[in-house]
Amino acid sequence: MDAKITLSFDKQVIERAKQYAETQNVSLSRLMEFLLDKITSNHFNSLEDLPVSDWVNAVAEGKAEYITKSKKRSKLKDEYMNRKK
């Protein structure tokens, strides 16, 4: 049974995700469901435990950094906004 959820993302991320979903012939909802299912079904203890593909490491401009909610939301927002500048 499907249920609805509301999420907020950066506009550019949404546009890239829509384009990717279209190339895969799936809806954005099904793409997100697939990704969330993969993340939650492998019993990862934290984001740092998620495996990073070789191709991600190849195109990365540095070590992958996962930002978790251990920081206050306002501090995360400030850091995010400062990165966008």
C-alpha atoms as a PDB file:
ATOM      1  CA  MET A   1       0.000   0.000   0.000  1.00  0.00           C
ATOM      2  CA  ASP A   2       1.403   3.385  -0.983  1.00  0.00           C
ATOM      3  CA  ALA A   3       1.460   6.314   1.416  1.00  0.00           C
ATOM      4  CA  LYS A   4       2.357   9.932   0.710  1.00  0.00           C
ATOM      5  CA  ILE A   5       5.277  11.809   2.224  1.00  0.00           C
ATOM      6  CA  THR A   6       6.422  15.396   1.804  1.00  0.00           C
ATOM      7  CA  LEU A   7      10.153  16.075   1.496  1.00  0.00           C
ATOM      8  CA  SER A   8      12.132  19.236   0.806  1.00  0.00           C
ATOM      9  CA  PHE A   9      15.212  19.293  -1.429  1.00  0.00           C
ATOM     10  CA  ASP A  10      17.350  21.864  -3.187  1.00  0.00           C
ATOM     11  CA  LYS A  11      15.762  22.768  -6.566  1.00  0.00           C
ATOM     12  CA  GLN A  12      18.846  21.696  -8.522  1.00  0.00           C
ATOM     13  CA  VAL A  13      18.876  18.315  -6.800  1.00  0.00           C
ATOM     14  CA  ILE A  14      15.214  17.810  -7.655  1.00  0.00           C
ATOM     15  CA  GLU A  15      15.762  18.688 -11.313  1.00  0.00           C
ATOM     16  CA  ARG A  16      18.747  16.326 -11.607  1.00  0.00           C
ATOM     17  CA  ALA A  17      16.790  13.577  -9.856  1.00  0.00           C
ATOM     18  CA  LYS A  18      13.820  14.046 -12.202  1.00  0.00           C
ATOM     19  CA  GLN A  19      16.084  13.853 -15.230  1.00  0.00           C
ATOM     20  CA  TYR A  20      17.794  10.738 -13.896  1.00  0.00           C
ATOM     21  CA  ALA A  21      14.466   9.067 -13.075  1.00  0.00           C
ATOM     22  CA  GLU A  22      13.244   9.818 -16.596  1.00  0.00           C
ATOM     23  CA  THR A  23      16.319   8.192 -18.153  1.00  0.00           C
ATOM     24  CA  GLN A  24      15.608   5.117 -16.015  1.00  0.00           C
ATOM     25  CA  ASN A  25      11.924   5.086 -17.013  1.00  0.00           C
ATOM     26  CA  VAL A  26      10.723   5.346 -13.418  1.00  0.00           C
ATOM     27  CA  SER A  27       8.907   8.037 -11.499  1.00  0.00           C
ATOM     28  CA  LEU A  28      10.758  10.158  -9.003  1.00  0.00           C
ATOM     29  CA  SER A  29       8.643   8.571  -6.274  1.00  0.00           C
ATOM     30  CA  ARG A  30       9.727   5.051  -7.279  1.00  0.00           C
ATOM     31  CA  LEU A  31      13.361   6.153  -7.537  1.00  0.00           C
ATOM     32  CA  MET A  32      13.254   7.546  -3.987  1.00  0.00           C
ATOM     33  CA  GLU A  33      11.462   4.425  -2.761  1.00  0.00           C
ATOM     34  CA  PHE A  34      14.168   2.252  -4.331  1.00  0.00           C
ATOM     35  CA  LEU A  35      16.993   4.295  -2.773  1.00  0.00           C
ATOM     36  CA  LEU A  36      15.385   4.417   0.662  1.00  0.00           C
ATOM     37  CA  ASP A  37      14.696   0.689   0.509  1.00  0.00           C
ATOM     38  CA  LYS A  38      18.343  -0.019  -0.312  1.00  0.00           C
ATOM     39  CA  ILE A  39      19.588   2.174   2.519  1.00  0.00           C
ATOM     40  CA  THR A  40      17.209   0.825   5.141  1.00  0.00           C
ATOM     41  CA  SER A  41      17.318  -2.878   4.219  1.00  0.00           C
ATOM     42  CA  ASN A  42      21.060  -3.360   4.688  1.00  0.00           C
ATOM     43  CA  HIS A  43      21.128  -2.528   8.386  1.00  0.00           C
ATOM     44  CA  PHE A  44      23.623   0.294   8.217  1.00  0.00           C
ATOM     45  CA  ASN A  45      24.365   1.747  11.651  1.00  0.00           C
ATOM     46  CA  SER A  46      25.096   5.214  10.308  1.00  0.00           C
ATOM     47  CA  LEU A  47      25.506   7.125   7.052  1.00  0.00           C
ATOM     48  CA  GLU A  48      29.249   6.622   7.327  1.00  0.00           C
ATOM     49  CA  ASP A  49      28.658   2.851   6.965  1.00  0.00           C
ATOM     50  CA  LEU A  50      27.063   3.213   3.528  1.00  0.00           C
ATOM     51  CA  PRO A  51      29.312   1.879   0.782  1.00  0.00           C
ATOM     52  CA  VAL A  52      30.507   4.446  -1.732  1.00  0.00           C
ATOM     53  CA  SER A  53      30.847   3.267  -5.317  1.00  0.00           C
ATOM     54  CA  ASP A  54      34.210   3.408  -7.040  1.00  0.00           C
ATOM     55  CA  TRP A  55      32.783   5.794  -9.642  1.00  0.00           C
ATOM     56  CA  VAL A  56      31.676   8.189  -6.897  1.00  0.00           C
ATOM     57  CA  ASN A  57      35.206   8.240  -5.521  1.00  0.00           C
ATOM     58  CA  ALA A  58      36.535   8.776  -9.052  1.00  0.00           C
ATOM     59  CA  VAL A  59      34.480  11.920  -9.660  1.00  0.00           C
ATOM     60  CA  ALA A  60      34.584  13.291  -6.125  1.00  0.00           C
ATOM     61  CA  GLU A  61      36.562  16.435  -5.427  1.00  0.00           C
ATOM     62  CA  GLY A  62      37.623  15.084  -2.067  1.00  0.00           C
ATOM     63  CA  LYS A  63      36.622  12.598   0.571  1.00  0.00           C
ATOM     64  CA  ALA A  64      32.855  12.075   0.879  1.00  0.00           C
ATOM     65  CA  GLU A  65      31.468  13.829   3.932  1.00  0.00           C
ATOM     66  CA  TYR A  66      28.152  12.810   5.414  1.00  0.00           C
ATOM     67  CA  ILE A  67      26.449  15.515   7.414  1.00  0.00           C
ATOM     68  CA  THR A  68      24.265  14.035  10.118  1.00  0.00           C
ATOM     69  CA  LYS A  69      21.753  15.628  12.446  1.00  0.00           C
ATOM     70  CA  SER A  70      24.153  15.629  15.363  1.00  0.00           C
ATOM     71  CA  LYS A  71      24.443  19.372  14.788  1.00  0.00           C
ATOM     72  CA  LYS A  72      21.628  21.791  15.450  1.00  0.00           C
ATOM     73  CA  ARG A  73      19.376  22.376  12.469  1.00  0.00           C
ATOM     74  CA  SER A  74      20.168  26.101  12.384  1.00  0.00           C
ATOM     75  CA  LYS A  75      23.920  25.384  12.285  1.00  0.00           C
ATOM     76  CA  LEU A  76      23.443  22.895   9.424  1.00  0.00           C
ATOM     77  CA  LYS A  77      21.381  25.454   7.511  1.00  0.00           C
ATOM     78  CA  ASP A  78      24.053  28.120   7.982  1.00  0.00           C
ATOM     79  CA  GLU A  79      26.785  25.735   6.787  1.00  0.00           C
ATOM     80  CA  TYR A  80      24.688  24.725   3.770  1.00  0.00           C
ATOM     81  CA  MET A  81      23.932  28.319   2.813  1.00  0.00           C
ATOM     82  CA  ASN A  82      27.601  29.306   3.150  1.00  0.00           C
ATOM     83  CA  ARG A  83      28.629  26.472   0.805  1.00  0.00           C
ATOM     84  CA  LYS A  84      26.203  27.708  -1.861  1.00  0.00           C
ATOM     85  CA  LYS A  85      27.899  31.123  -2.049  1.00  0.00           C
END
